[in-house]
Amino acid sequence: MTTTTLTRRWGSAIITESDDPAEFTVRAVGYVGLGLIRADYTAAKRYAQHRTTPWTYTVDVRAVTLPNPINILYLSRLRHLPRIAEYRVIASPGLQYRLLRLAAGLVGATVTTDDA
């Protein structure tokens, strides 16, 4: 298991790459802008290229204070990465959860809350 922290001016993402289970996990904090999303996508793409079995991309956005609305277009690319089996989003109950459920179809994600 390896952990990497991506830091930008107003936000960050802690990425954990695991082999057993095969999972790429991101915990986003603060403002998630295009620079952070691009760096995350690049890391996920690199992880996917080394996988020989299906894997899961999980992102925890409960600590996100402000996402860039354009991120959704960039994140829709995730479902096309090699051997990705599932794309999960963990959201806070309430408005964040409801908004992400609306966008889930565009990005191919399953949205859950910490209550689920």
C-alpha atoms as a PDB file:
ATOM      1  CA  MET A   1       0.000   0.000   0.000  1.00  0.00           C
ATOM      2  CA  THR A   2       1.312   3.441  -0.908  1.00  0.00           C
ATOM      3  CA  THR A   3       0.033   6.854   0.091  1.00  0.00           C
ATOM      4  CA  THR A   4       0.597  10.102  -1.778  1.00  0.00           C
ATOM      5  CA  THR A   5      -0.584  13.594  -0.877  1.00  0.00           C
ATOM      6  CA  LEU A   6      -1.391  16.069  -3.637  1.00  0.00           C
ATOM      7  CA  THR A   7      -1.484  19.647  -2.392  1.00  0.00           C
ATOM      8  CA  ARG A   8      -2.739  22.731  -4.159  1.00  0.00           C
ATOM      9  CA  ARG A   9      -3.324  26.249  -2.873  1.00  0.00           C
ATOM     10  CA  TRP A  10      -6.751  25.706  -1.271  1.00  0.00           C
ATOM     11  CA  GLY A  11      -7.190  21.954  -1.365  1.00  0.00           C
ATOM     12  CA  SER A  12      -5.542  18.595  -1.183  1.00  0.00           C
ATOM     13  CA  ALA A  13      -6.085  14.927  -1.917  1.00  0.00           C
ATOM     14  CA  ILE A  14      -4.651  11.964  -0.074  1.00  0.00           C
ATOM     15  CA  ILE A  15      -4.331   8.998  -2.428  1.00  0.00           C
ATOM     16  CA  THR A  16      -3.935   5.450  -1.176  1.00  0.00           C
ATOM     17  CA  GLU A  17      -3.106   2.693  -3.666  1.00  0.00           C
ATOM     18  CA  SER A  18      -3.789  -0.837  -2.474  1.00  0.00           C
ATOM     19  CA  ASP A  19      -3.239  -4.232  -4.078  1.00  0.00           C
ATOM     20  CA  ASP A  20      -5.409  -6.336  -1.772  1.00  0.00           C
ATOM     21  CA  PRO A  21      -8.105  -5.335  -2.318  1.00  0.00           C
ATOM     22  CA  ALA A  22      -7.237  -3.636  -5.600  1.00  0.00           C
ATOM     23  CA  GLU A  23      -8.425  -0.155  -4.758  1.00  0.00           C
ATOM     24  CA  PHE A  24      -7.391   3.412  -5.553  1.00  0.00           C
ATOM     25  CA  THR A  25      -8.764   5.624  -2.782  1.00  0.00           C
ATOM     26  CA  VAL A  26      -8.834   9.425  -2.730  1.00  0.00           C
ATOM     27  CA  ARG A  27      -9.768  11.577   0.254  1.00  0.00           C
ATOM     28  CA  ALA A  28     -10.322  15.131  -1.009  1.00  0.00           C
ATOM     29  CA  VAL A  29     -10.189  18.162   1.296  1.00  0.00           C
ATOM     30  CA  GLY A  30     -11.038  21.835   0.715  1.00  0.00           C
ATOM     31  CA  TYR A  31     -11.283  23.256  -2.794  1.00  0.00           C
ATOM     32  CA  VAL A  32     -11.048  20.701  -5.587  1.00  0.00           C
ATOM     33  CA  GLY A  33     -10.033  22.531  -8.735  1.00  0.00           C
ATOM     34  CA  LEU A  34      -8.908  21.350 -12.137  1.00  0.00           C
ATOM     35  CA  GLY A  35      -5.225  21.145 -11.135  1.00  0.00           C
ATOM     36  CA  LEU A  36      -6.015  18.731  -8.335  1.00  0.00           C
ATOM     37  CA  ILE A  37      -8.392  16.708 -10.501  1.00  0.00           C
ATOM     38  CA  ARG A  38      -5.807  16.419 -13.292  1.00  0.00           C
ATOM     39  CA  ALA A  39      -3.130  15.227 -10.854  1.00  0.00           C
ATOM     40  CA  ASP A  40      -5.582  12.715  -9.360  1.00  0.00           C
ATOM     41  CA  TYR A  41      -6.568  11.435 -12.804  1.00  0.00           C
ATOM     42  CA  THR A  42      -2.907  11.061 -13.815  1.00  0.00           C
ATOM     43  CA  ALA A  43      -2.220   9.012 -10.676  1.00  0.00           C
ATOM     44  CA  ALA A  44      -5.324   6.846 -11.278  1.00  0.00           C
ATOM     45  CA  LYS A  45      -4.305   6.275 -14.889  1.00  0.00           C
ATOM     46  CA  ARG A  46      -0.820   5.195 -13.793  1.00  0.00           C
ATOM     47  CA  TYR A  47      -2.366   2.837 -11.207  1.00  0.00           C
ATOM     48  CA  ALA A  48      -4.719   1.361 -13.829  1.00  0.00           C
ATOM     49  CA  GLN A  49      -1.899   0.659 -16.264  1.00  0.00           C
ATOM     50  CA  HIS A  50      -0.233  -1.622 -13.713  1.00  0.00           C
ATOM     51  CA  ARG A  51      -3.366  -3.589 -12.844  1.00  0.00           C
ATOM     52  CA  THR A  52      -3.981  -7.047 -14.248  1.00  0.00           C
ATOM     53  CA  THR A  53      -7.218  -7.561 -12.310  1.00  0.00           C
ATOM     54  CA  PRO A  54     -10.366  -5.462 -11.801  1.00  0.00           C
ATOM     55  CA  TRP A  55     -10.026  -2.594  -9.327  1.00  0.00           C
ATOM     56  CA  THR A  56     -12.137   0.033  -7.580  1.00  0.00           C
ATOM     57  CA  TYR A  57     -11.776   3.825  -7.563  1.00  0.00           C
ATOM     58  CA  THR A  58     -13.198   5.316  -4.365  1.00  0.00           C
ATOM     59  CA  VAL A  59     -13.285   9.029  -3.611  1.00  0.00           C
ATOM     60  CA  ASP A  60     -14.350  10.469  -0.268  1.00  0.00           C
ATOM     61  CA  VAL A  61     -15.605  14.032  -0.774  1.00  0.00           C
ATOM     62  CA  ARG A  62     -17.091  14.621   2.684  1.00  0.00           C
ATOM     63  CA  ALA A  63     -14.356  17.192   3.506  1.00  0.00           C
ATOM     64  CA  VAL A  64     -14.689  19.076   0.205  1.00  0.00           C
ATOM     65  CA  THR A  65     -15.796  22.667   0.773  1.00  0.00           C
ATOM     66  CA  LEU A  66     -15.992  23.741  -2.862  1.00  0.00           C
ATOM     67  CA  PRO A  67     -15.684  21.711  -6.081  1.00  0.00           C
ATOM     68  CA  ASN A  68     -15.109  23.230  -9.497  1.00  0.00           C
ATOM     69  CA  PRO A  69     -18.255  22.363 -11.528  1.00  0.00           C
ATOM     70  CA  ILE A  70     -16.111  21.476 -14.555  1.00  0.00           C
ATOM     71  CA  ASN A  71     -14.594  18.598 -12.563  1.00  0.00           C
ATOM     72  CA  ILE A  72     -17.518  16.384 -13.474  1.00  0.00           C
ATOM     73  CA  LEU A  73     -16.512  16.411 -17.136  1.00  0.00           C
ATOM     74  CA  TYR A  74     -12.959  15.449 -16.263  1.00  0.00           C
ATOM     75  CA  LEU A  75     -14.084  12.709 -13.870  1.00  0.00           C
ATOM     76  CA  SER A  76     -16.255  11.091 -16.531  1.00  0.00           C
ATOM     77  CA  ARG A  77     -12.984   9.812 -18.038  1.00  0.00           C
ATOM     78  CA  LEU A  78     -12.390   7.549 -15.042  1.00  0.00           C
ATOM     79  CA  ARG A  79     -14.879   4.934 -16.177  1.00  0.00           C
ATOM     80  CA  HIS A  80     -12.745   4.369 -19.294  1.00  0.00           C
ATOM     81  CA  LEU A  81      -9.578   3.431 -17.410  1.00  0.00           C
ATOM     82  CA  PRO A  82      -8.348  -0.141 -17.955  1.00  0.00           C
ATOM     83  CA  ARG A  83      -9.982  -2.817 -15.788  1.00  0.00           C
ATOM     84  CA  ILE A  84     -11.892  -0.406 -13.540  1.00  0.00           C
ATOM     85  CA  ALA A  85     -14.706  -2.418 -11.979  1.00  0.00           C
ATOM     86  CA  GLU A  86     -16.373   0.203  -9.813  1.00  0.00           C
ATOM     87  CA  TYR A  87     -16.288   3.962  -9.246  1.00  0.00           C
ATOM     88  CA  ARG A  88     -17.606   4.940  -5.805  1.00  0.00           C
ATOM     89  CA  VAL A  89     -18.164   8.365  -4.256  1.00  0.00           C
ATOM     90  CA  ILE A  90     -18.646   8.805  -0.509  1.00  0.00           C
ATOM     91  CA  ALA A  91     -20.582  12.014   0.197  1.00  0.00           C
ATOM     92  CA  SER A  92     -22.010  13.800   3.216  1.00  0.00           C
ATOM     93  CA  PRO A  93     -25.723  13.237   3.759  1.00  0.00           C
ATOM     94  CA  GLY A  94     -27.884  16.108   2.571  1.00  0.00           C
ATOM     95  CA  LEU A  95     -27.264  18.533  -0.276  1.00  0.00           C
ATOM     96  CA  GLN A  96     -23.830  17.187  -1.252  1.00  0.00           C
ATOM     97  CA  TYR A  97     -25.246  13.664  -1.549  1.00  0.00           C
ATOM     98  CA  ARG A  98     -28.285  14.784  -3.568  1.00  0.00           C
ATOM     99  CA  LEU A  99     -26.197  16.843  -6.009  1.00  0.00           C
ATOM    100  CA  LEU A 100     -23.732  14.020  -6.536  1.00  0.00           C
ATOM    101  CA  ARG A 101     -26.561  11.543  -7.114  1.00  0.00           C
ATOM    102  CA  LEU A 102     -27.765  13.781  -9.952  1.00  0.00           C
ATOM    103  CA  ALA A 103     -24.280  13.791 -11.502  1.00  0.00           C
ATOM    104  CA  ALA A 104     -23.604  10.090 -10.927  1.00  0.00           C
ATOM    105  CA  GLY A 105     -24.997   9.049 -14.306  1.00  0.00           C
ATOM    106  CA  LEU A 106     -22.587  11.339 -16.164  1.00  0.00           C
ATOM    107  CA  VAL A 107     -19.499   9.958 -14.475  1.00  0.00           C
ATOM    108  CA  GLY A 108     -20.649   6.366 -14.005  1.00  0.00           C
ATOM    109  CA  ALA A 109     -20.311   6.468 -10.226  1.00  0.00           C
ATOM    110  CA  THR A 110     -22.149   4.898  -7.334  1.00  0.00           C
ATOM    111  CA  VAL A 111     -22.768   7.534  -4.649  1.00  0.00           C
ATOM    112  CA  THR A 112     -23.106   6.561  -0.992  1.00  0.00           C
ATOM    113  CA  THR A 113     -23.043   8.389   2.330  1.00  0.00           C
ATOM    114  CA  ASP A 114     -21.221   7.530   5.505  1.00  0.00           C
ATOM    115  CA  ASP A 115     -24.656   6.538   6.808  1.00  0.00           C
ATOM    116  CA  ALA A 116     -25.053   3.797   4.175  1.00  0.00           C
END
